[in-house]
Protein backbone atom coordinates (compact mmCIF):
# COMPACT_ATOMS: atom_id res chain seq x y z
CA UNK A 1 0.01 0.00 -0.02
CA UNK A 2 2.83 2.41 0.88
CA UNK A 3 4.47 1.63 -2.45
CA UNK A 4 1.31 2.47 -4.45
CA UNK A 5 0.73 5.64 -2.38
CA UNK A 6 4.31 6.84 -2.82
CA UNK A 7 4.20 6.23 -6.56
CA UNK A 8 0.80 7.94 -6.80
CA UNK A 9 2.07 11.01 -4.96
CA UNK A 10 5.17 11.14 -7.17
CA UNK A 11 3.05 10.74 -10.32
CA UNK A 12 0.97 13.66 -9.18
CA UNK A 13 4.13 15.64 -8.62
CA UNK A 14 5.23 14.75 -12.15
CA UNK A 15 1.93 15.85 -13.68
CA UNK A 16 1.98 19.11 -11.70
CA UNK A 17 5.61 19.73 -12.60
CA UNK A 18 4.98 19.12 -16.28
CA UNK A 19 2.47 21.92 -16.20
CA UNK A 20 5.16 24.24 -14.90
CA UNK A 21 7.72 23.53 -17.66
CA UNK A 22 9.24 20.44 -15.98
CA UNK A 23 10.78 20.83 -12.62
CA UNK A 24 13.97 18.79 -12.89
CA UNK A 25 14.25 18.14 -9.15
CA UNK A 26 10.75 16.70 -8.71
CA UNK A 27 11.21 14.54 -11.79
CA UNK A 28 14.44 13.18 -10.41
CA UNK A 29 12.69 12.49 -7.07
CA UNK A 30 10.06 10.53 -8.99
CA UNK A 31 12.67 8.45 -10.80
CA UNK A 32 14.46 7.84 -7.52
CA UNK A 33 11.25 6.64 -5.87
CA UNK A 34 10.47 4.35 -8.82
CA UNK A 35 13.98 2.94 -8.80
CA UNK A 36 13.68 2.22 -5.06
CA UNK A 37 10.42 0.41 -5.80
CA UNK A 38 12.28 -1.77 -8.35
CA UNK A 39 14.93 -2.53 -5.75
CA UNK A 40 12.32 -3.48 -3.12
CA UNK A 41 10.64 -5.80 -5.62
CA UNK A 42 14.00 -7.47 -6.28
CA UNK A 43 14.62 -7.91 -2.58
CA UNK A 44 11.19 -9.41 -1.98
CA UNK A 45 11.49 -11.66 -5.10
CA UNK A 46 8.29 -10.10 -6.48
CA UNK A 47 8.50 -10.77 -10.25
CA UNK A 48 5.30 -8.91 -11.03
CA UNK A 49 6.45 -6.00 -8.87
CA UNK A 50 9.79 -5.92 -10.69
CA UNK A 51 8.11 -5.97 -14.06
CA UNK A 52 5.50 -3.30 -13.23
CA UNK A 53 7.90 -1.00 -11.41
CA UNK A 54 10.70 -1.26 -14.01
CA UNK A 55 8.27 -0.52 -16.85
CA UNK A 56 6.94 2.57 -14.97
CA UNK A 57 10.52 3.70 -14.24
CA UNK A 58 11.56 3.15 -17.86
CA UNK A 59 8.72 5.20 -19.24
CA UNK A 60 9.41 8.14 -16.94
CA UNK A 61 13.16 7.88 -17.49
CA UNK A 62 12.72 7.98 -21.24
CA UNK A 63 10.18 10.81 -21.07
CA UNK A 64 12.54 12.89 -18.96
CA UNK A 65 15.95 11.97 -20.34
CA UNK A 66 15.31 10.75 -23.88
CA UNK A 67 14.71 14.13 -25.57
CA UNK A 68 17.90 16.20 -25.61
CA UNK A 69 16.23 19.53 -26.47
CA UNK A 70 13.54 19.11 -23.80
CA UNK A 71 16.14 18.11 -21.19
CA UNK A 72 18.43 20.97 -22.19
CA UNK A 73 15.68 23.45 -21.35
CA UNK A 74 15.56 22.09 -17.75
CA UNK A 75 19.23 22.64 -17.14
CA UNK A 76 20.85 25.92 -16.05
CA UNK A 77 22.35 27.85 -18.97
CA UNK A 78 25.91 26.90 -18.07
CA UNK A 79 25.01 23.17 -18.07
CA UNK A 80 22.86 22.96 -21.20
CA UNK A 81 25.77 21.66 -23.30
CA UNK A 82 25.67 18.49 -21.14
CA UNK A 83 22.12 17.51 -22.07
CA UNK A 84 23.47 14.81 -24.41
CA UNK A 85 24.59 12.89 -21.28
CA UNK A 86 20.94 12.52 -20.28
CA UNK A 87 20.08 11.04 -23.65
CA UNK A 88 23.02 8.56 -23.35
CA UNK A 89 21.75 7.64 -19.88
CA UNK A 90 18.27 7.08 -21.28
CA UNK A 91 19.73 4.66 -23.83
CA UNK A 92 21.70 2.77 -21.20
CA UNK A 93 18.65 2.58 -18.99
CA UNK A 94 16.41 1.33 -21.83
CA UNK A 95 18.92 -1.43 -22.67
CA UNK A 96 19.18 -2.63 -19.13
CA UNK A 97 15.45 -2.41 -18.58
CA UNK A 98 15.06 -4.81 -21.48
CA UNK A 99 17.57 -7.21 -19.84
CA UNK A 100 15.47 -7.14 -16.66
CA UNK A 101 12.22 -7.69 -18.53
CA UNK A 102 13.76 -10.58 -20.52
CA UNK A 103 14.93 -12.17 -17.27
CA UNK A 104 11.52 -11.81 -15.57
CA UNK A 105 9.79 -13.35 -18.58
CA UNK A 106 12.54 -16.00 -18.92
CA UNK A 107 12.89 -15.15 -22.59
CA UNK A 108 16.10 -17.18 -22.99
CA UNK A 109 15.08 -20.17 -20.87
CA UNK A 110 17.82 -19.62 -18.29
CA UNK A 111 18.03 -20.90 -14.73
CA UNK A 112 16.45 -18.74 -12.01
CA UNK A 113 19.89 -18.05 -10.51
CA UNK A 114 21.34 -16.77 -13.79
CA UNK A 115 18.23 -14.63 -14.51
CA UNK A 116 18.38 -13.07 -11.07
CA UNK A 117 22.09 -12.34 -11.39
CA UNK A 118 21.71 -10.80 -14.85
CA UNK A 119 18.70 -8.69 -13.93
CA UNK A 120 20.36 -7.48 -10.68
CA UNK A 121 23.50 -6.59 -12.62
CA UNK A 122 21.38 -4.68 -15.14
CA UNK A 123 19.79 -2.79 -12.20
CA UNK A 124 23.23 -1.73 -11.02
CA UNK A 125 24.07 -0.56 -14.55
CA UNK A 126 20.93 1.56 -14.43
CA UNK A 127 22.10 3.05 -11.11
CA UNK A 128 25.54 3.64 -12.62
CA UNK A 129 23.99 5.47 -15.62
CA UNK A 130 22.16 7.73 -13.19
CA UNK A 131 25.21 8.47 -11.11
CA UNK A 132 27.40 9.02 -14.15
CA UNK A 133 24.96 11.57 -15.55
CA UNK A 134 24.64 13.33 -12.22
CA UNK A 135 28.40 13.51 -11.91
CA UNK A 136 28.94 14.94 -15.35
CA UNK A 137 26.10 17.43 -15.22
CA UNK A 138 26.98 18.61 -11.72
CA UNK A 139 30.72 18.74 -12.38
CA UNK A 140 32.18 22.17 -11.80
CA UNK A 141 34.86 21.87 -14.49
């Protein structure tokens, strides 16, 4: 119930923020909440939860990060030249989301252990893409 409520509140924040020309901070908070939901689903071995939460996260990540011009407008003037990093992160995220979905659906008929390891590794690559983008965009140099 908490998970659904948190996601609902964050979705509301996203819809409100989109009305005010995208507030980058609230969108990042939404992605963070959705990524935590994916992690919790992994921890509880909830395949449906993993599938649902990773799809929700992927949609919002692509909506926010996948359009360079749109993302550029959300950055401060001195950081707008780094908007291509967001697009690259969106591509990395999309690739790893597909790995997770393939594992959940057992697309390649692998053992449960191998599918868990591959999907969890893909999750860490998603985290890394997020951190990498944050580090580059926030870099002072």
